[in-house]
């Protein structure tokens, strides 16, 4: 059995210059922090539950900001806290994929 039921990784890559977009330039670190806060508030954090992590470049920054949930390997994009709330509630808490945010 896995240590966590679900693991969400937020791309928090920060690139220098403007050659390619980067997720952190679109607020990814703040949204990761918010997701971590919401997971804790809902009692979803800890062993056997959910882990929220920062990742380096996940190489989908053009579609970003992006995050990926494992073990389902579902990729998401998001715009604001309401999107994060929906991902946390629907996918991380109830196991239902949020199709409208899927990439």
PDB file of N, CA and C in Angstrom:
ATOM      1  N   UNK A   1       0.830  -1.181   0.000  1.00  0.00           N
ATOM      2  CA  UNK A   1       0.000   0.000   0.000  1.00  0.00           C
ATOM      3  C   UNK A   1       0.880   1.252   0.000  1.00  0.00           C
ATOM      4  N   UNK A   2       0.469   2.249  -0.752  1.00  0.00           N
ATOM      5  CA  UNK A   2       1.214   3.491  -0.838  1.00  0.00           C
ATOM      6  C   UNK A   2       1.111   4.275   0.469  1.00  0.00           C
ATOM      7  N   UNK A   3       2.112   5.071   0.740  1.00  0.00           N
ATOM      8  CA  UNK A   3       2.109   5.884   1.954  1.00  0.00           C
ATOM      9  C   UNK A   3       1.012   6.936   1.922  1.00  0.00           C
ATOM     10  N   UNK A   4       0.765   7.509   0.726  1.00  0.00           N
ATOM     11  CA  UNK A   4      -0.317   8.473   0.548  1.00  0.00           C
ATOM     12  C   UNK A   4      -1.362   7.909  -0.390  1.00  0.00           C
ATOM     13  N   UNK A   5      -2.606   8.231  -0.136  1.00  0.00           N
ATOM     14  CA  UNK A   5      -3.673   7.812  -1.037  1.00  0.00           C
ATOM     15  C   UNK A   5      -3.573   8.579  -2.349  1.00  0.00           C
ATOM     16  N   UNK A   6      -3.330   9.885  -2.229  1.00  0.00           N
ATOM     17  CA  UNK A   6      -3.160  10.731  -3.408  1.00  0.00           C
ATOM     18  C   UNK A   6      -2.031  11.715  -3.145  1.00  0.00           C
ATOM     19  N   UNK A   7      -1.381  12.086  -4.231  1.00  0.00           N
ATOM     20  CA  UNK A   7      -0.266  13.011  -4.177  1.00  0.00           C
ATOM     21  C   UNK A   7      -0.482  14.022  -5.285  1.00  0.00           C
ATOM     22  N   UNK A   8      -0.505  15.314  -4.964  1.00  0.00           N
ATOM     23  CA  UNK A   8      -0.639  16.345  -5.995  1.00  0.00           C
ATOM     24  C   UNK A   8       0.653  17.152  -6.050  1.00  0.00           C
ATOM     25  N   UNK A   9       1.187  17.252  -7.254  1.00  0.00           N
ATOM     26  CA  UNK A   9       2.404  18.010  -7.503  1.00  0.00           C
ATOM     27  C   UNK A   9       2.057  19.259  -8.299  1.00  0.00           C
ATOM     28  N   UNK A  10       2.459  20.409  -7.783  1.00  0.00           N
ATOM     29  CA  UNK A  10       2.281  21.683  -8.470  1.00  0.00           C
ATOM     30  C   UNK A  10       3.585  22.076  -9.141  1.00  0.00           C
ATOM     31  N   UNK A  11       3.546  22.306 -10.438  1.00  0.00           N
ATOM     32  CA  UNK A  11       4.712  22.838 -11.128  1.00  0.00           C
ATOM     33  C   UNK A  11       4.913  24.257 -10.618  1.00  0.00           C
ATOM     34  N   UNK A  12       6.079  24.503 -10.038  1.00  0.00           N
ATOM     35  CA  UNK A  12       6.409  25.835  -9.531  1.00  0.00           C
ATOM     36  C   UNK A  12       7.679  26.347 -10.194  1.00  0.00           C
ATOM     37  N   UNK A  13       7.865  25.944 -11.435  1.00  0.00           N
ATOM     38  CA  UNK A  13       9.054  26.342 -12.174  1.00  0.00           C
ATOM     39  C   UNK A  13       9.081  27.852 -12.403  1.00  0.00           C
ATOM     40  N   UNK A  14      10.259  28.433 -12.238  1.00  0.00           N
ATOM     41  CA  UNK A  14      10.464  29.862 -12.503  1.00  0.00           C
ATOM     42  C   UNK A  14      11.584  29.993 -13.528  1.00  0.00           C
ATOM     43  N   UNK A  15      11.248  30.458 -14.708  1.00  0.00           N
ATOM     44  CA  UNK A  15      12.243  30.661 -15.758  1.00  0.00           C
ATOM     45  C   UNK A  15      12.695  32.114 -15.784  1.00  0.00           C
ATOM     46  N   UNK A  16      13.948  32.309 -16.157  1.00  0.00           N
ATOM     47  CA  UNK A  16      14.459  33.655 -16.405  1.00  0.00           C
ATOM     48  C   UNK A  16      14.131  34.013 -17.843  1.00  0.00           C
ATOM     49  N   UNK A  17      13.767  35.236 -18.074  1.00  0.00           N
ATOM     50  CA  UNK A  17      13.462  35.679 -19.432  1.00  0.00           C
ATOM     51  C   UNK A  17      12.060  35.267 -19.837  1.00  0.00           C
ATOM     52  N   UNK A  18      11.735  35.518 -21.087  1.00  0.00           N
ATOM     53  CA  UNK A  18      10.388  35.269 -21.593  1.00  0.00           C
ATOM     54  C   UNK A  18      10.352  34.294 -22.761  1.00  0.00           C
ATOM     55  N   UNK A  19      11.372  33.430 -22.875  1.00  0.00           N
ATOM     56  CA  UNK A  19      11.394  32.490 -23.990  1.00  0.00           C
ATOM     57  C   UNK A  19      10.212  31.534 -23.961  1.00  0.00           C
ATOM     58  N   UNK A  20       9.909  31.026 -22.796  1.00  0.00           N
ATOM     59  CA  UNK A  20       8.788  30.113 -22.602  1.00  0.00           C
ATOM     60  C   UNK A  20       8.046  30.512 -21.340  1.00  0.00           C
ATOM     61  N   UNK A  21       6.751  30.252 -21.304  1.00  0.00           N
ATOM     62  CA  UNK A  21       6.015  30.553 -20.071  1.00  0.00           C
ATOM     63  C   UNK A  21       6.481  29.656 -18.922  1.00  0.00           C
ATOM     64  N   UNK A  22       6.224  30.091 -17.706  1.00  0.00           N
ATOM     65  CA  UNK A  22       6.521  29.260 -16.540  1.00  0.00           C
ATOM     66  C   UNK A  22       5.329  29.325 -15.594  1.00  0.00           C
ATOM     67  N   UNK A  23       5.093  28.228 -14.920  1.00  0.00           N
ATOM     68  CA  UNK A  23       3.934  28.146 -14.019  1.00  0.00           C
ATOM     69  C   UNK A  23       4.032  29.112 -12.856  1.00  0.00           C
ATOM     70  N   UNK A  24       5.229  29.302 -12.319  1.00  0.00           N
ATOM     71  CA  UNK A  24       5.355  30.191 -11.175  1.00  0.00           C
ATOM     72  C   UNK A  24       5.048  31.633 -11.550  1.00  0.00           C
ATOM     73  N   UNK A  25       5.283  31.987 -12.790  1.00  0.00           N
ATOM     74  CA  UNK A  25       4.929  33.313 -13.271  1.00  0.00           C
ATOM     75  C   UNK A  25       3.423  33.523 -13.340  1.00  0.00           C
ATOM     76  N   UNK A  26       2.665  32.436 -13.198  1.00  0.00           N
ATOM     77  CA  UNK A  26       1.202  32.490 -13.217  1.00  0.00           C
ATOM     78  C   UNK A  26       0.616  32.191 -11.837  1.00  0.00           C
ATOM     79  N   UNK A  27       1.430  32.342 -10.795  1.00  0.00           N
ATOM     80  CA  UNK A  27       0.933  32.210  -9.431  1.00  0.00           C
ATOM     81  C   UNK A  27       0.929  30.809  -8.849  1.00  0.00           C
ATOM     82  N   UNK A  28       1.715  29.899  -9.410  1.00  0.00           N
ATOM     83  CA  UNK A  28       1.681  28.501  -8.976  1.00  0.00           C
ATOM     84  C   UNK A  28       2.073  28.303  -7.508  1.00  0.00           C
ATOM     85  N   UNK A  29       3.085  28.995  -7.036  1.00  0.00           N
ATOM     86  CA  UNK A  29       3.516  28.803  -5.642  1.00  0.00           C
ATOM     87  C   UNK A  29       2.421  29.215  -4.663  1.00  0.00           C
ATOM     88  N   UNK A  30       1.757  30.317  -4.947  1.00  0.00           N
ATOM     89  CA  UNK A  30       0.668  30.768  -4.078  1.00  0.00           C
ATOM     90  C   UNK A  30      -0.487  29.769  -4.092  1.00  0.00           C
ATOM     91  N   UNK A  31      -0.788  29.196  -5.253  1.00  0.00           N
ATOM     92  CA  UNK A  31      -1.878  28.224  -5.340  1.00  0.00           C
ATOM     93  C   UNK A  31      -1.498  26.914  -4.660  1.00  0.00           C
ATOM     94  N   UNK A  32      -0.236  26.532  -4.725  1.00  0.00           N
ATOM     95  CA  UNK A  32       0.226  25.341  -3.990  1.00  0.00           C
ATOM     96  C   UNK A  32       0.056  25.557  -2.500  1.00  0.00           C
ATOM     97  N   UNK A  33       0.469  26.731  -2.023  1.00  0.00           N
ATOM     98  CA  UNK A  33       0.331  27.047  -0.599  1.00  0.00           C
ATOM     99  C   UNK A  33      -1.142  27.020  -0.185  1.00  0.00           C
ATOM    100  N   UNK A  34      -1.997  27.556  -1.037  1.00  0.00           N
ATOM    101  CA  UNK A  34      -3.426  27.556  -0.740  1.00  0.00           C
ATOM    102  C   UNK A  34      -3.975  26.123  -0.700  1.00  0.00           C
ATOM    103  N   UNK A  35      -3.579  25.300  -1.666  1.00  0.00           N
ATOM    104  CA  UNK A  35      -4.034  23.901  -1.698  1.00  0.00           C
ATOM    105  C   UNK A  35      -3.584  23.170  -0.434  1.00  0.00           C
ATOM    106  N   UNK A  36      -2.357  23.404  -0.025  1.00  0.00           N
ATOM    107  CA  UNK A  36      -1.836  22.765   1.188  1.00  0.00           C
ATOM    108  C   UNK A  36      -2.662  23.186   2.404  1.00  0.00           C
ATOM    109  N   UNK A  37      -2.983  24.468   2.474  1.00  0.00           N
ATOM    110  CA  UNK A  37      -3.811  24.986   3.563  1.00  0.00           C
ATOM    111  C   UNK A  37      -5.192  24.343   3.567  1.00  0.00           C
ATOM    112  N   UNK A  38      -5.823  24.243   2.411  1.00  0.00           N
ATOM    113  CA  UNK A  38      -7.167  23.661   2.316  1.00  0.00           C
ATOM    114  C   UNK A  38      -7.152  22.173   2.685  1.00  0.00           C
ATOM    115  N   UNK A  39      -6.146  21.443   2.220  1.00  0.00           N
ATOM    116  CA  UNK A  39      -6.029  20.023   2.544  1.00  0.00           C
ATOM    117  C   UNK A  39      -5.918  19.840   4.056  1.00  0.00           C
ATOM    118  N   UNK A  40      -5.130  20.685   4.702  1.00  0.00           N
ATOM    119  CA  UNK A  40      -4.989  20.608   6.164  1.00  0.00           C
ATOM    120  C   UNK A  40      -6.293  20.977   6.861  1.00  0.00           C
ATOM    121  N   UNK A  41      -6.950  22.042   6.393  1.00  0.00           N
ATOM    122  CA  UNK A  41      -8.205  22.469   7.009  1.00  0.00           C
ATOM    123  C   UNK A  41      -9.268  21.375   6.940  1.00  0.00           C
ATOM    124  N   UNK A  42      -9.259  20.611   5.867  1.00  0.00           N
ATOM    125  CA  UNK A  42     -10.250  19.553   5.682  1.00  0.00           C
ATOM    126  C   UNK A  42      -9.832  18.231   6.331  1.00  0.00           C
ATOM    127  N   UNK A  43      -8.659  18.208   6.958  1.00  0.00           N
ATOM    128  CA  UNK A  43      -8.178  16.993   7.613  1.00  0.00           C
ATOM    129  C   UNK A  43      -7.781  15.903   6.639  1.00  0.00           C
ATOM    130  N   UNK A  44      -7.386  16.309   5.440  1.00  0.00           N
ATOM    131  CA  UNK A  44      -7.022  15.336   4.405  1.00  0.00           C
ATOM    132  C   UNK A  44      -5.524  15.050   4.366  1.00  0.00           C
ATOM    133  N   UNK A  45      -4.723  15.733   5.169  1.00  0.00           N
ATOM    134  CA  UNK A  45      -3.273  15.588   5.108  1.00  0.00           C
ATOM    135  C   UNK A  45      -2.783  14.479   6.018  1.00  0.00           C
ATOM    136  N   UNK A  46      -1.618  13.965   5.697  1.00  0.00           N
ATOM    137  CA  UNK A  46      -0.980  12.967   6.546  1.00  0.00           C
ATOM    138  C   UNK A  46      -0.929  11.588   5.918  1.00  0.00           C
ATOM    139  N   UNK A  47      -0.305  10.688   6.627  1.00  0.00           N
ATOM    140  CA  UNK A  47      -0.115   9.319   6.147  1.00  0.00           C
ATOM    141  C   UNK A  47      -1.453   8.683   5.778  1.00  0.00           C
ATOM    142  N   UNK A  48      -1.472   8.033   4.629  1.00  0.00           N
ATOM    143  CA  UNK A  48      -2.677   7.360   4.173  1.00  0.00           C
ATOM    144  C   UNK A  48      -3.698   8.293   3.559  1.00  0.00           C
ATOM    145  N   UNK A  49      -3.360   9.572   3.479  1.00  0.00           N
ATOM    146  CA  UNK A  49      -4.298  10.567   2.953  1.00  0.00           C
ATOM    147  C   UNK A  49      -3.690  11.281   1.763  1.00  0.00           C
ATOM    148  N   UNK A  50      -3.581  12.609   1.823  1.00  0.00           N
ATOM    149  CA  UNK A  50      -3.151  13.426   0.690  1.00  0.00           C
ATOM    150  C   UNK A  50      -1.872  14.179   1.025  1.00  0.00           C
ATOM    151  N   UNK A  51      -1.004  14.288   0.046  1.00  0.00           N
ATOM    152  CA  UNK A  51       0.224  15.086   0.164  1.00  0.00           C
ATOM    153  C   UNK A  51       0.228  16.114  -0.955  1.00  0.00           C
ATOM    154  N   UNK A  52       0.505  17.375  -0.614  1.00  0.00           N
ATOM    155  CA  UNK A  52       0.636  18.468  -1.575  1.00  0.00           C
ATOM    156  C   UNK A  52       2.114  18.811  -1.672  1.00  0.00           C
ATOM    157  N   UNK A  53       2.659  18.781  -2.899  1.00  0.00           N
ATOM    158  CA  UNK A  53       4.080  19.038  -3.098  1.00  0.00           C
ATOM    159  C   UNK A  53       4.337  20.021  -4.216  1.00  0.00           C
ATOM    160  N   UNK A  54       5.484  20.665  -4.105  1.00  0.00           N
ATOM    161  CA  UNK A  54       6.013  21.505  -5.169  1.00  0.00           C
ATOM    162  C   UNK A  54       6.885  20.641  -6.068  1.00  0.00           C
ATOM    163  N   UNK A  55       6.822  20.893  -7.341  1.00  0.00           N
ATOM    164  CA  UNK A  55       7.697  20.212  -8.293  1.00  0.00           C
ATOM    165  C   UNK A  55       8.451  21.254  -9.098  1.00  0.00           C
ATOM    166  N   UNK A  56       9.550  20.842  -9.658  1.00  0.00           N
ATOM    167  CA  UNK A  56      10.224  21.678 -10.641  1.00  0.00           C
ATOM    168  C   UNK A  56       9.408  21.622 -11.918  1.00  0.00           C
ATOM    169  N   UNK A  57      10.035  21.912 -13.012  1.00  0.00           N
ATOM    170  CA  UNK A  57       9.315  21.952 -14.278  1.00  0.00           C
ATOM    171  C   UNK A  57       8.721  20.587 -14.615  1.00  0.00           C
ATOM    172  N   UNK A  58       7.430  20.576 -14.876  1.00  0.00           N
ATOM    173  CA  UNK A  58       6.741  19.359 -15.313  1.00  0.00           C
ATOM    174  C   UNK A  58       6.586  19.346 -16.831  1.00  0.00           C
ATOM    175  N   UNK A  59       7.173  20.341 -17.490  1.00  0.00           N
ATOM    176  CA  UNK A  59       7.253  20.450 -18.951  1.00  0.00           C
ATOM    177  C   UNK A  59       5.894  20.591 -19.632  1.00  0.00           C
ATOM    178  N   UNK A  60       4.953  21.195 -18.937  1.00  0.00           N
ATOM    179  CA  UNK A  60       3.653  21.511 -19.539  1.00  0.00           C
ATOM    180  C   UNK A  60       3.270  22.955 -19.225  1.00  0.00           C
ATOM    181  N   UNK A  61       4.270  23.787 -19.031  1.00  0.00           N
ATOM    182  CA  UNK A  61       4.041  25.172 -18.606  1.00  0.00           C
ATOM    183  C   UNK A  61       3.207  25.956 -19.617  1.00  0.00           C
ATOM    184  N   UNK A  62       3.276  25.589 -20.889  1.00  0.00           N
ATOM    185  CA  UNK A  62       2.460  26.273 -21.891  1.00  0.00           C
ATOM    186  C   UNK A  62       0.976  26.069 -21.639  1.00  0.00           C
ATOM    187  N   UNK A  63       0.632  24.996 -20.951  1.00  0.00           N
ATOM    188  CA  UNK A  63      -0.762  24.696 -20.625  1.00  0.00           C
ATOM    189  C   UNK A  63      -1.109  25.131 -19.202  1.00  0.00           C
ATOM    190  N   UNK A  64      -0.168  25.765 -18.550  1.00  0.00           N
ATOM    191  CA  UNK A  64      -0.251  26.005 -17.130  1.00  0.00           C
ATOM    192  C   UNK A  64      -0.889  27.294 -16.732  1.00  0.00           C
ATOM    193  N   UNK A  65      -0.891  27.488 -15.436  1.00  0.00           N
ATOM    194  CA  UNK A  65      -0.190  26.684 -14.460  1.00  0.00           C
ATOM    195  C   UNK A  65      -0.772  25.272 -14.385  1.00  0.00           C
ATOM    196  N   UNK A  66       0.068  24.321 -14.013  1.00  0.00           N
ATOM    197  CA  UNK A  66      -0.407  22.944 -14.019  1.00  0.00           C
ATOM    198  C   UNK A  66      -0.035  22.208 -12.734  1.00  0.00           C
ATOM    199  N   UNK A  67      -0.811  21.167 -12.495  1.00  0.00           N
ATOM    200  CA  UNK A  67      -0.583  20.258 -11.373  1.00  0.00           C
ATOM    201  C   UNK A  67      -0.984  18.870 -11.840  1.00  0.00           C
ATOM    202  N   UNK A  68      -0.434  17.861 -11.198  1.00  0.00           N
ATOM    203  CA  UNK A  68      -0.772  16.482 -11.542  1.00  0.00           C
ATOM    204  C   UNK A  68      -1.061  15.709 -10.263  1.00  0.00           C
ATOM    205  N   UNK A  69      -2.120  14.889 -10.315  1.00  0.00           N
ATOM    206  CA  UNK A  69      -2.537  14.080  -9.167  1.00  0.00           C
ATOM    207  C   UNK A  69      -2.209  12.621  -9.453  1.00  0.00           C
ATOM    208  N   UNK A  70      -1.489  12.008  -8.520  1.00  0.00           N
ATOM    209  CA  UNK A  70      -1.182  10.583  -8.594  1.00  0.00           C
ATOM    210  C   UNK A  70      -1.871   9.874  -7.439  1.00  0.00           C
ATOM    211  N   UNK A  71      -2.272   8.617  -7.611  1.00  0.00           N
ATOM    212  CA  UNK A  71      -1.811   7.679  -8.617  1.00  0.00           C
ATOM    213  C   UNK A  71      -2.583   7.718  -9.936  1.00  0.00           C
ATOM    214  N   UNK A  72      -3.594   8.557 -10.048  1.00  0.00           N
ATOM    215  CA  UNK A  72      -4.420   8.566 -11.259  1.00  0.00           C
ATOM    216  C   UNK A  72      -3.735   9.199 -12.461  1.00  0.00           C
ATOM    217  N   UNK A  73      -2.653   9.955 -12.240  1.00  0.00           N
ATOM    218  CA  UNK A  73      -1.927  10.662 -13.305  1.00  0.00           C
ATOM    219  C   UNK A  73      -2.848  11.602 -14.075  1.00  0.00           C
ATOM    220  N   UNK A  74      -3.645  12.363 -13.338  1.00  0.00           N
ATOM    221  CA  UNK A  74      -4.562  13.333 -13.936  1.00  0.00           C
ATOM    222  C   UNK A  74      -3.916  14.714 -13.848  1.00  0.00           C
ATOM    223  N   UNK A  75      -3.808  15.366 -15.003  1.00  0.00           N
ATOM    224  CA  UNK A  75      -3.210  16.696 -15.109  1.00  0.00           C
ATOM    225  C   UNK A  75      -4.294  17.749 -15.089  1.00  0.00           C
ATOM    226  N   UNK A  76      -4.036  18.828 -14.332  1.00  0.00           N
ATOM    227  CA  UNK A  76      -4.974  19.935 -14.225  1.00  0.00           C
ATOM    228  C   UNK A  76      -4.292  21.260 -14.528  1.00  0.00           C
ATOM    229  N   UNK A  77      -5.108  22.194 -14.992  1.00  0.00           N
ATOM    230  CA  UNK A  77      -4.746  23.597 -14.990  1.00  0.00           C
ATOM    231  C   UNK A  77      -5.756  24.303 -14.097  1.00  0.00           C
ATOM    232  N   UNK A  78      -5.443  25.506 -13.694  1.00  0.00           N
ATOM    233  CA  UNK A  78      -6.317  26.232 -12.772  1.00  0.00           C
ATOM    234  C   UNK A  78      -6.070  27.723 -12.949  1.00  0.00           C
ATOM    235  N   UNK A  79      -7.022  28.525 -12.504  1.00  0.00           N
ATOM    236  CA  UNK A  79      -6.915  29.966 -12.631  1.00  0.00           C
ATOM    237  C   UNK A  79      -6.890  30.645 -11.263  1.00  0.00           C
ATOM    238  N   UNK A  80      -7.712  30.154 -10.345  1.00  0.00           N
ATOM    239  CA  UNK A  80      -7.873  30.855  -9.080  1.00  0.00           C
ATOM    240  C   UNK A  80      -8.154  29.873  -7.947  1.00  0.00           C
ATOM    241  N   UNK A  81      -8.403  30.423  -6.777  1.00  0.00           N
ATOM    242  CA  UNK A  81      -8.666  29.601  -5.585  1.00  0.00           C
ATOM    243  C   UNK A  81      -9.915  28.744  -5.741  1.00  0.00           C
ATOM    244  N   UNK A  82     -10.903  29.245  -6.459  1.00  0.00           N
ATOM    245  CA  UNK A  82     -12.120  28.451  -6.673  1.00  0.00           C
ATOM    246  C   UNK A  82     -11.788  27.163  -7.422  1.00  0.00           C
ATOM    247  N   UNK A  83     -10.885  27.239  -8.398  1.00  0.00           N
ATOM    248  CA  UNK A  83     -10.456  26.033  -9.121  1.00  0.00           C
ATOM    249  C   UNK A  83      -9.727  25.075  -8.186  1.00  0.00           C
ATOM    250  N   UNK A  84      -8.864  25.607  -7.340  1.00  0.00           N
ATOM    251  CA  UNK A  84      -8.138  24.771  -6.374  1.00  0.00           C
ATOM    252  C   UNK A  84      -9.126  24.125  -5.409  1.00  0.00           C
ATOM    253  N   UNK A  85     -10.099  24.901  -4.929  1.00  0.00           N
ATOM    254  CA  UNK A  85     -11.126  24.341  -4.041  1.00  0.00           C
ATOM    255  C   UNK A  85     -11.842  23.172  -4.697  1.00  0.00           C
ATOM    256  N   UNK A  86     -12.144  23.310  -5.982  1.00  0.00           N
ATOM    257  CA  UNK A  86     -12.851  22.247  -6.698  1.00  0.00           C
ATOM    258  C   UNK A  86     -11.983  21.008  -6.848  1.00  0.00           C
ATOM    259  N   UNK A  87     -10.712  21.187  -7.169  1.00  0.00           N
ATOM    260  CA  UNK A  87      -9.792  20.044  -7.293  1.00  0.00           C
ATOM    261  C   UNK A  87      -9.646  19.339  -5.942  1.00  0.00           C
ATOM    262  N   UNK A  88      -9.476  20.117  -4.879  1.00  0.00           N
ATOM    263  CA  UNK A  88      -9.318  19.531  -3.535  1.00  0.00           C
ATOM    264  C   UNK A  88     -10.572  18.763  -3.143  1.00  0.00           C
ATOM    265  N   UNK A  89     -11.725  19.393  -3.274  1.00  0.00           N
ATOM    266  CA  UNK A  89     -12.970  18.756  -2.836  1.00  0.00           C
ATOM    267  C   UNK A  89     -13.322  17.548  -3.703  1.00  0.00           C
ATOM    268  N   UNK A  90     -13.340  17.758  -5.005  1.00  0.00           N
ATOM    269  CA  UNK A  90     -13.804  16.695  -5.900  1.00  0.00           C
ATOM    270  C   UNK A  90     -12.793  15.570  -6.049  1.00  0.00           C
ATOM    271  N   UNK A  91     -11.558  15.898  -6.391  1.00  0.00           N
ATOM    272  CA  UNK A  91     -10.588  14.838  -6.684  1.00  0.00           C
ATOM    273  C   UNK A  91      -9.879  14.329  -5.430  1.00  0.00           C
ATOM    274  N   UNK A  92      -9.283  15.246  -4.676  1.00  0.00           N
ATOM    275  CA  UNK A  92      -8.494  14.788  -3.531  1.00  0.00           C
ATOM    276  C   UNK A  92      -9.352  14.228  -2.406  1.00  0.00           C
ATOM    277  N   UNK A  93     -10.524  14.794  -2.209  1.00  0.00           N
ATOM    278  CA  UNK A  93     -11.395  14.323  -1.125  1.00  0.00           C
ATOM    279  C   UNK A  93     -12.310  13.189  -1.569  1.00  0.00           C
ATOM    280  N   UNK A  94     -12.914  13.315  -2.754  1.00  0.00           N
ATOM    281  CA  UNK A  94     -13.934  12.355  -3.174  1.00  0.00           C
ATOM    282  C   UNK A  94     -13.530  11.445  -4.342  1.00  0.00           C
ATOM    283  N   UNK A  95     -12.358  11.662  -4.920  1.00  0.00           N
ATOM    284  CA  UNK A  95     -11.884  10.781  -5.989  1.00  0.00           C
ATOM    285  C   UNK A  95     -12.542  10.996  -7.335  1.00  0.00           C
ATOM    286  N   UNK A  96     -13.197  12.138  -7.518  1.00  0.00           N
ATOM    287  CA  UNK A  96     -13.870  12.436  -8.784  1.00  0.00           C
ATOM    288  C   UNK A  96     -13.034  13.426  -9.588  1.00  0.00           C
ATOM    289  N   UNK A  97     -12.698  13.051 -10.806  1.00  0.00           N
ATOM    290  CA  UNK A  97     -11.887  13.903 -11.676  1.00  0.00           C
ATOM    291  C   UNK A  97     -12.689  15.133 -12.088  1.00  0.00           C
ATOM    292  N   UNK A  98     -12.047  16.289 -12.078  1.00  0.00           N
ATOM    293  CA  UNK A  98     -12.666  17.555 -12.467  1.00  0.00           C
ATOM    294  C   UNK A  98     -12.373  17.765 -13.949  1.00  0.00           C
ATOM    295  N   UNK A  99     -13.271  17.282 -14.785  1.00  0.00           N
ATOM    296  CA  UNK A  99     -13.046  17.272 -16.235  1.00  0.00           C
ATOM    297  C   UNK A  99     -12.832  18.672 -16.804  1.00  0.00           C
ATOM    298  N   UNK A 100     -13.527  19.671 -16.293  1.00  0.00           N
ATOM    299  CA  UNK A 100     -13.412  21.015 -16.875  1.00  0.00           C
ATOM    300  C   UNK A 100     -12.026  21.633 -16.684  1.00  0.00           C
ATOM    301  N   UNK A 101     -11.253  21.133 -15.724  1.00  0.00           N
ATOM    302  CA  UNK A 101      -9.903  21.652 -15.479  1.00  0.00           C
ATOM    303  C   UNK A 101      -8.810  20.713 -15.980  1.00  0.00           C
ATOM    304  N   UNK A 102      -9.198  19.604 -16.521  1.00  0.00           N
ATOM    305  CA  UNK A 102      -8.227  18.586 -16.982  1.00  0.00           C
ATOM    306  C   UNK A 102      -7.515  19.041 -18.249  1.00  0.00           C
ATOM    307  N   UNK A 103      -6.208  18.775 -18.287  1.00  0.00           N
ATOM    308  CA  UNK A 103      -5.431  19.037 -19.503  1.00  0.00           C
ATOM    309  C   UNK A 103      -4.825  17.744 -20.003  1.00  0.00           C
TER     310      UNK A 103
END
